[in-house]
Amino acid sequence: MIFAVVALAVVGLGNSNSATGEGNTPRPQSTVQYPIRFDHAPAAQAPQPRPTVSYPIRWER
């Protein structure tokens, strides 16, 4: 079992993609524009607060 784990580690490390060459690989460019706006989305309304109890709470004691 230990031999199998070591063999898998050796095979995994041996097949890793290491960059060799001149290093002229293009870097990814961002395509997003900030700030992000949703102009055509319908306006969401905030929910109205509702009481959590159905009986009146007396504040004066």
N, C-alpha and C. Protein backbone atom coordinates (compact mmCIF):
# COMPACT_ATOMS: atom_id res chain seq x y z
N MET A 1 0.83 -1.18 0.00
CA MET A 1 0.00 0.00 0.00
C MET A 1 0.88 1.26 0.00
N ILE A 2 1.91 1.27 0.84
CA ILE A 2 2.81 2.43 0.89
C ILE A 2 3.53 2.59 -0.44
N PHE A 3 3.93 1.48 -1.04
CA PHE A 3 4.60 1.53 -2.34
C PHE A 3 3.68 2.14 -3.40
N ALA A 4 2.39 1.79 -3.36
CA ALA A 4 1.44 2.34 -4.33
C ALA A 4 1.29 3.85 -4.16
N VAL A 5 1.25 4.32 -2.93
CA VAL A 5 1.14 5.76 -2.69
C VAL A 5 2.38 6.49 -3.17
N VAL A 6 3.54 5.93 -2.89
CA VAL A 6 4.79 6.55 -3.35
C VAL A 6 4.85 6.55 -4.87
N ALA A 7 4.44 5.46 -5.50
CA ALA A 7 4.45 5.38 -6.96
C ALA A 7 3.50 6.41 -7.57
N LEU A 8 2.33 6.58 -6.98
CA LEU A 8 1.40 7.60 -7.49
C LEU A 8 1.96 9.00 -7.33
N ALA A 9 2.64 9.24 -6.22
CA ALA A 9 3.24 10.56 -6.01
C ALA A 9 4.33 10.83 -7.04
N VAL A 10 5.15 9.83 -7.34
CA VAL A 10 6.22 10.00 -8.32
C VAL A 10 5.64 10.24 -9.71
N VAL A 11 4.61 9.48 -10.06
CA VAL A 11 3.99 9.65 -11.37
C VAL A 11 3.32 11.01 -11.46
N GLY A 12 2.64 11.42 -10.39
CA GLY A 12 1.97 12.72 -10.38
C GLY A 12 2.94 13.88 -10.49
N LEU A 13 4.05 13.81 -9.78
CA LEU A 13 5.04 14.88 -9.85
C LEU A 13 5.81 14.84 -11.16
N GLY A 14 5.97 13.68 -11.73
CA GLY A 14 6.70 13.56 -12.99
C GLY A 14 5.90 14.09 -14.16
N ASN A 15 4.59 14.10 -14.06
CA ASN A 15 3.75 14.57 -15.16
C ASN A 15 3.23 15.98 -14.96
N SER A 16 3.80 16.72 -14.03
CA SER A 16 3.32 18.07 -13.79
C SER A 16 3.67 18.95 -14.97
N ASN A 17 2.83 19.94 -15.23
CA ASN A 17 3.05 20.86 -16.33
C ASN A 17 3.95 21.99 -15.87
N SER A 18 5.21 21.89 -16.13
CA SER A 18 6.13 22.97 -15.79
C SER A 18 6.44 23.73 -17.08
N ALA A 19 6.41 25.04 -16.97
CA ALA A 19 6.65 25.86 -18.14
C ALA A 19 8.13 25.88 -18.47
N THR A 20 8.45 25.47 -19.67
CA THR A 20 9.83 25.55 -20.14
C THR A 20 9.81 26.35 -21.42
N GLY A 21 10.76 27.22 -21.57
CA GLY A 21 10.82 28.03 -22.78
C GLY A 21 11.20 29.45 -22.43
N GLU A 22 10.81 30.35 -23.30
CA GLU A 22 11.22 31.74 -23.15
C GLU A 22 10.32 32.53 -22.22
N GLY A 23 9.19 31.98 -21.84
CA GLY A 23 8.30 32.70 -20.94
C GLY A 23 7.47 33.76 -21.62
N ASN A 24 7.16 33.59 -22.88
CA ASN A 24 6.37 34.58 -23.60
C ASN A 24 4.89 34.17 -23.68
N THR A 25 4.42 33.46 -22.69
CA THR A 25 3.02 33.07 -22.65
C THR A 25 2.17 34.29 -22.32
N PRO A 26 1.14 34.58 -23.11
CA PRO A 26 0.32 35.78 -22.83
C PRO A 26 -0.46 35.62 -21.52
N ARG A 27 -0.57 36.71 -20.80
CA ARG A 27 -1.31 36.70 -19.55
C ARG A 27 -2.78 36.97 -19.84
N PRO A 28 -3.69 36.39 -19.06
CA PRO A 28 -5.12 36.64 -19.28
C PRO A 28 -5.48 38.09 -19.01
N GLN A 29 -6.36 38.61 -19.83
CA GLN A 29 -6.79 40.00 -19.69
C GLN A 29 -8.20 40.03 -19.14
N SER A 30 -8.47 40.99 -18.29
CA SER A 30 -9.80 41.14 -17.70
C SER A 30 -10.75 41.75 -18.73
N THR A 31 -11.96 41.23 -18.80
CA THR A 31 -12.95 41.75 -19.74
C THR A 31 -14.11 42.44 -19.03
N VAL A 32 -14.04 42.56 -17.72
CA VAL A 32 -15.14 43.14 -16.96
C VAL A 32 -14.94 44.65 -16.85
N GLN A 33 -16.07 45.37 -16.80
CA GLN A 33 -16.02 46.82 -16.63
C GLN A 33 -16.67 47.15 -15.29
N TYR A 34 -15.95 47.91 -14.47
CA TYR A 34 -16.46 48.31 -13.17
C TYR A 34 -16.90 49.75 -13.20
N PRO A 35 -17.89 50.18 -12.47
CA PRO A 35 -18.74 49.40 -11.58
C PRO A 35 -19.76 48.59 -12.38
N ILE A 36 -20.14 47.48 -11.82
CA ILE A 36 -21.11 46.61 -12.48
C ILE A 36 -22.51 47.19 -12.25
N ARG A 37 -23.24 47.36 -13.32
CA ARG A 37 -24.59 47.93 -13.22
C ARG A 37 -25.56 47.02 -13.96
N PHE A 38 -26.75 46.93 -13.43
CA PHE A 38 -27.81 46.16 -14.05
C PHE A 38 -28.89 47.16 -14.47
N ASP A 39 -28.69 47.82 -15.61
CA ASP A 39 -29.58 48.89 -16.04
C ASP A 39 -30.96 48.39 -16.44
N HIS A 40 -31.05 47.21 -17.02
CA HIS A 40 -32.32 46.73 -17.54
C HIS A 40 -33.05 45.80 -16.56
N ALA A 41 -32.53 45.63 -15.39
CA ALA A 41 -33.17 44.76 -14.40
C ALA A 41 -34.26 45.54 -13.68
N PRO A 42 -35.37 44.87 -13.33
CA PRO A 42 -36.42 45.58 -12.60
C PRO A 42 -35.93 45.93 -11.19
N ALA A 43 -36.42 47.08 -10.71
CA ALA A 43 -36.00 47.53 -9.38
C ALA A 43 -36.66 46.66 -8.31
N ALA A 44 -35.84 46.14 -7.43
CA ALA A 44 -36.36 45.31 -6.35
C ALA A 44 -36.79 46.20 -5.20
N GLN A 45 -37.97 45.94 -4.67
CA GLN A 45 -38.46 46.72 -3.56
C GLN A 45 -38.12 46.01 -2.26
N ALA A 46 -37.77 46.80 -1.26
CA ALA A 46 -37.45 46.24 0.04
C ALA A 46 -38.74 45.75 0.70
N PRO A 47 -38.68 44.61 1.37
CA PRO A 47 -39.89 44.13 2.04
C PRO A 47 -40.28 45.05 3.19
N GLN A 48 -41.57 45.20 3.38
CA GLN A 48 -42.07 46.04 4.45
C GLN A 48 -41.95 45.31 5.78
N PRO A 49 -41.57 46.02 6.84
CA PRO A 49 -41.45 45.35 8.14
C PRO A 49 -42.82 44.93 8.65
N ARG A 50 -42.86 43.79 9.29
CA ARG A 50 -44.09 43.28 9.87
C ARG A 50 -43.85 43.01 11.35
N PRO A 51 -44.88 43.20 12.15
CA PRO A 51 -44.69 42.94 13.58
C PRO A 51 -44.46 41.45 13.83
N THR A 52 -43.64 41.16 14.83
CA THR A 52 -43.35 39.77 15.14
C THR A 52 -44.31 39.19 16.16
N VAL A 53 -45.09 40.05 16.82
CA VAL A 53 -46.07 39.58 17.80
C VAL A 53 -47.42 40.18 17.44
N SER A 54 -48.50 39.52 17.85
CA SER A 54 -49.83 40.00 17.51
C SER A 54 -50.50 40.73 18.67
N TYR A 55 -49.83 40.89 19.78
CA TYR A 55 -50.41 41.59 20.93
C TYR A 55 -49.61 42.87 21.16
N PRO A 56 -50.24 43.89 21.73
CA PRO A 56 -49.52 45.16 21.96
C PRO A 56 -48.51 45.02 23.10
N ILE A 57 -47.41 45.68 22.96
CA ILE A 57 -46.36 45.66 23.98
C ILE A 57 -46.42 46.98 24.74
N ARG A 58 -46.59 46.92 26.05
CA ARG A 58 -46.64 48.12 26.88
C ARG A 58 -45.22 48.54 27.21
N TRP A 59 -44.91 49.81 26.93
CA TRP A 59 -43.57 50.31 27.19
C TRP A 59 -43.50 50.98 28.56
N GLU A 60 -44.62 51.52 29.05
CA GLU A 60 -44.60 52.16 30.35
C GLU A 60 -44.84 51.13 31.43
N ARG A 61 -44.02 51.09 32.42
CA ARG A 61 -44.23 50.14 33.51
C ARG A 61 -44.29 50.87 34.80
